Amino acid sequence: MLIIPIKDGENIDKALKRFKRKFDKTGVKRSLHERKQFVKPSVEHRTKILKARYVQKLKDQENL
């Protein structure tokens, strides 16, 4: 559970913004999205390979 201490006289919007930032850093939303649907290990491995190829291609273009 996230605890965001609110200081005296602090704007609620500012506290909400800190809560959202802290929530994003925990990765809860990302893990829920990943567990929403099962992905076969072979498909997961294939996507990792495609991502690595894409990143390598970008690095190669940058070094030209």
N, C-alpha and C. Protein backbone atom coordinates (compact mmCIF):
# COMPACT_ATOMS: atom_id res chain seq x y z
N MET A 1 0.84 -1.17 0.00
CA MET A 1 0.00 0.00 0.00
C MET A 1 0.88 1.24 0.00
N LEU A 2 0.56 2.17 -0.85
CA LEU A 2 1.33 3.39 -0.95
C LEU A 2 0.84 4.42 0.06
N ILE A 3 1.77 5.04 0.73
CA ILE A 3 1.43 6.09 1.69
C ILE A 3 2.09 7.37 1.23
N ILE A 4 1.27 8.39 1.02
CA ILE A 4 1.76 9.69 0.59
C ILE A 4 1.42 10.69 1.69
N PRO A 5 2.41 11.11 2.46
CA PRO A 5 2.12 12.10 3.51
C PRO A 5 1.82 13.47 2.88
N ILE A 6 0.74 14.07 3.34
CA ILE A 6 0.35 15.39 2.84
C ILE A 6 0.75 16.43 3.88
N LYS A 7 1.52 17.40 3.43
CA LYS A 7 1.98 18.45 4.34
C LYS A 7 0.88 19.47 4.55
N ASP A 8 0.96 20.22 5.64
CA ASP A 8 -0.04 21.23 5.94
C ASP A 8 -0.07 22.29 4.84
N GLY A 9 -1.25 22.56 4.33
CA GLY A 9 -1.42 23.59 3.32
C GLY A 9 -1.00 23.16 1.92
N GLU A 10 -0.69 21.86 1.73
CA GLU A 10 -0.27 21.39 0.41
C GLU A 10 -1.49 21.20 -0.49
N ASN A 11 -1.34 21.56 -1.72
CA ASN A 11 -2.40 21.42 -2.69
C ASN A 11 -2.66 19.93 -2.95
N ILE A 12 -3.94 19.54 -3.03
CA ILE A 12 -4.29 18.14 -3.24
C ILE A 12 -3.84 17.66 -4.61
N ASP A 13 -3.82 18.56 -5.60
CA ASP A 13 -3.35 18.18 -6.93
C ASP A 13 -1.89 17.78 -6.91
N LYS A 14 -1.10 18.49 -6.12
CA LYS A 14 0.33 18.19 -6.02
C LYS A 14 0.54 16.82 -5.36
N ALA A 15 -0.25 16.55 -4.32
CA ALA A 15 -0.16 15.26 -3.64
C ALA A 15 -0.61 14.13 -4.55
N LEU A 16 -1.64 14.36 -5.34
CA LEU A 16 -2.12 13.36 -6.28
C LEU A 16 -1.07 13.07 -7.35
N LYS A 17 -0.39 14.12 -7.79
CA LYS A 17 0.67 13.95 -8.78
C LYS A 17 1.81 13.10 -8.21
N ARG A 18 2.16 13.32 -6.94
CA ARG A 18 3.21 12.51 -6.30
C ARG A 18 2.76 11.06 -6.18
N PHE A 19 1.46 10.85 -5.86
CA PHE A 19 0.94 9.50 -5.74
C PHE A 19 1.02 8.77 -7.09
N LYS A 20 0.61 9.46 -8.16
CA LYS A 20 0.65 8.85 -9.48
C LYS A 20 2.08 8.48 -9.89
N ARG A 21 3.02 9.37 -9.61
CA ARG A 21 4.43 9.11 -9.95
C ARG A 21 4.95 7.90 -9.18
N LYS A 22 4.62 7.83 -7.89
CA LYS A 22 5.06 6.72 -7.05
C LYS A 22 4.41 5.42 -7.51
N PHE A 23 3.14 5.48 -7.88
CA PHE A 23 2.41 4.31 -8.36
C PHE A 23 3.03 3.79 -9.65
N ASP A 24 3.40 4.67 -10.56
CA ASP A 24 4.02 4.26 -11.82
C ASP A 24 5.37 3.59 -11.58
N LYS A 25 6.11 4.07 -10.61
CA LYS A 25 7.43 3.51 -10.33
C LYS A 25 7.35 2.11 -9.75
N THR A 26 6.24 1.78 -9.06
CA THR A 26 6.12 0.45 -8.46
C THR A 26 5.90 -0.63 -9.51
N GLY A 27 5.31 -0.27 -10.66
CA GLY A 27 5.11 -1.22 -11.73
C GLY A 27 3.88 -2.09 -11.56
N VAL A 28 2.97 -1.72 -10.69
CA VAL A 28 1.77 -2.51 -10.44
C VAL A 28 0.89 -2.56 -11.68
N LYS A 29 0.71 -1.44 -12.32
CA LYS A 29 -0.15 -1.37 -13.50
C LYS A 29 0.42 -2.23 -14.63
N ARG A 30 1.72 -2.18 -14.80
CA ARG A 30 2.38 -2.97 -15.85
C ARG A 30 2.23 -4.46 -15.58
N SER A 31 2.42 -4.88 -14.33
CA SER A 31 2.31 -6.30 -14.01
C SER A 31 0.87 -6.79 -14.16
N LEU A 32 -0.11 -5.96 -13.82
CA LEU A 32 -1.50 -6.35 -14.03
C LEU A 32 -1.80 -6.53 -15.51
N HIS A 33 -1.27 -5.64 -16.33
CA HIS A 33 -1.48 -5.74 -17.77
C HIS A 33 -0.84 -7.01 -18.32
N GLU A 34 0.33 -7.37 -17.82
CA GLU A 34 1.02 -8.57 -18.29
C GLU A 34 0.28 -9.84 -17.88
N ARG A 35 -0.32 -9.84 -16.69
CA ARG A 35 -1.03 -11.02 -16.21
C ARG A 35 -2.46 -11.11 -16.73
N LYS A 36 -2.89 -10.12 -17.46
CA LYS A 36 -4.26 -10.09 -17.96
C LYS A 36 -4.51 -11.25 -18.92
N GLN A 37 -3.51 -11.59 -19.71
CA GLN A 37 -3.66 -12.65 -20.69
C GLN A 37 -2.36 -13.45 -20.72
N PHE A 38 -2.48 -14.77 -20.83
CA PHE A 38 -1.32 -15.63 -20.87
C PHE A 38 -0.63 -15.52 -22.22
N VAL A 39 0.68 -15.42 -22.19
CA VAL A 39 1.48 -15.37 -23.41
C VAL A 39 2.42 -16.57 -23.39
N LYS A 40 2.38 -17.33 -24.46
CA LYS A 40 3.22 -18.52 -24.53
C LYS A 40 4.70 -18.11 -24.46
N PRO A 41 5.52 -18.94 -23.84
CA PRO A 41 6.96 -18.62 -23.74
C PRO A 41 7.62 -18.43 -25.10
N SER A 42 7.19 -19.20 -26.10
CA SER A 42 7.80 -19.05 -27.43
C SER A 42 7.47 -17.69 -28.04
N VAL A 43 6.25 -17.22 -27.83
CA VAL A 43 5.85 -15.91 -28.35
C VAL A 43 6.60 -14.82 -27.60
N GLU A 44 6.73 -14.98 -26.29
CA GLU A 44 7.46 -13.99 -25.48
C GLU A 44 8.92 -13.91 -25.93
N HIS A 45 9.52 -15.08 -26.20
CA HIS A 45 10.91 -15.13 -26.65
C HIS A 45 11.05 -14.45 -28.02
N ARG A 46 10.09 -14.68 -28.91
CA ARG A 46 10.12 -14.09 -30.24
C ARG A 46 10.03 -12.56 -30.17
N THR A 47 9.18 -12.06 -29.29
CA THR A 47 9.06 -10.60 -29.16
C THR A 47 10.34 -10.00 -28.62
N LYS A 48 11.00 -10.70 -27.70
CA LYS A 48 12.28 -10.20 -27.18
C LYS A 48 13.33 -10.13 -28.28
N ILE A 49 13.36 -11.15 -29.13
CA ILE A 49 14.31 -11.16 -30.24
C ILE A 49 14.02 -10.02 -31.22
N LEU A 50 12.75 -9.81 -31.54
CA LEU A 50 12.39 -8.73 -32.46
C LEU A 50 12.74 -7.37 -31.86
N LYS A 51 12.53 -7.21 -30.57
CA LYS A 51 12.88 -5.95 -29.93
C LYS A 51 14.39 -5.73 -29.96
N ALA A 52 15.15 -6.79 -29.71
CA ALA A 52 16.60 -6.68 -29.75
C ALA A 52 17.10 -6.31 -31.14
N ARG A 53 16.47 -6.88 -32.17
CA ARG A 53 16.84 -6.54 -33.55
C ARG A 53 16.56 -5.06 -33.83
N TYR A 54 15.41 -4.61 -33.38
CA TYR A 54 15.02 -3.22 -33.60
C TYR A 54 15.99 -2.26 -32.91
N VAL A 55 16.33 -2.57 -31.67
CA VAL A 55 17.26 -1.71 -30.92
C VAL A 55 18.63 -1.71 -31.58
N GLN A 56 19.07 -2.89 -32.03
CA GLN A 56 20.37 -2.99 -32.69
C GLN A 56 20.37 -2.18 -33.98
N LYS A 57 19.26 -2.23 -34.72
CA LYS A 57 19.15 -1.47 -35.96
C LYS A 57 19.25 0.02 -35.68
N LEU A 58 18.59 0.49 -34.62
CA LEU A 58 18.67 1.91 -34.25
C LEU A 58 20.10 2.30 -33.88
N LYS A 59 20.78 1.44 -33.14
CA LYS A 59 22.17 1.73 -32.74
C LYS A 59 23.08 1.77 -33.95
N ASP A 60 22.85 0.84 -34.89
CA ASP A 60 23.67 0.83 -36.11
C ASP A 60 23.46 2.10 -36.94
N GLN A 61 22.23 2.55 -37.04
CA GLN A 61 21.95 3.78 -37.79
C GLN A 61 22.57 4.98 -37.10
N GLU A 62 22.60 4.97 -35.79
CA GLU A 62 23.17 6.07 -35.03
C GLU A 62 24.68 6.17 -35.22
N ASN A 63 25.33 5.04 -35.38
CA ASN A 63 26.79 5.00 -35.50
C ASN A 63 27.29 5.29 -36.91
N LEU A 64 26.40 5.38 -37.86
CA LEU A 64 26.83 5.64 -39.25
C LEU A 64 27.32 7.02 -39.41
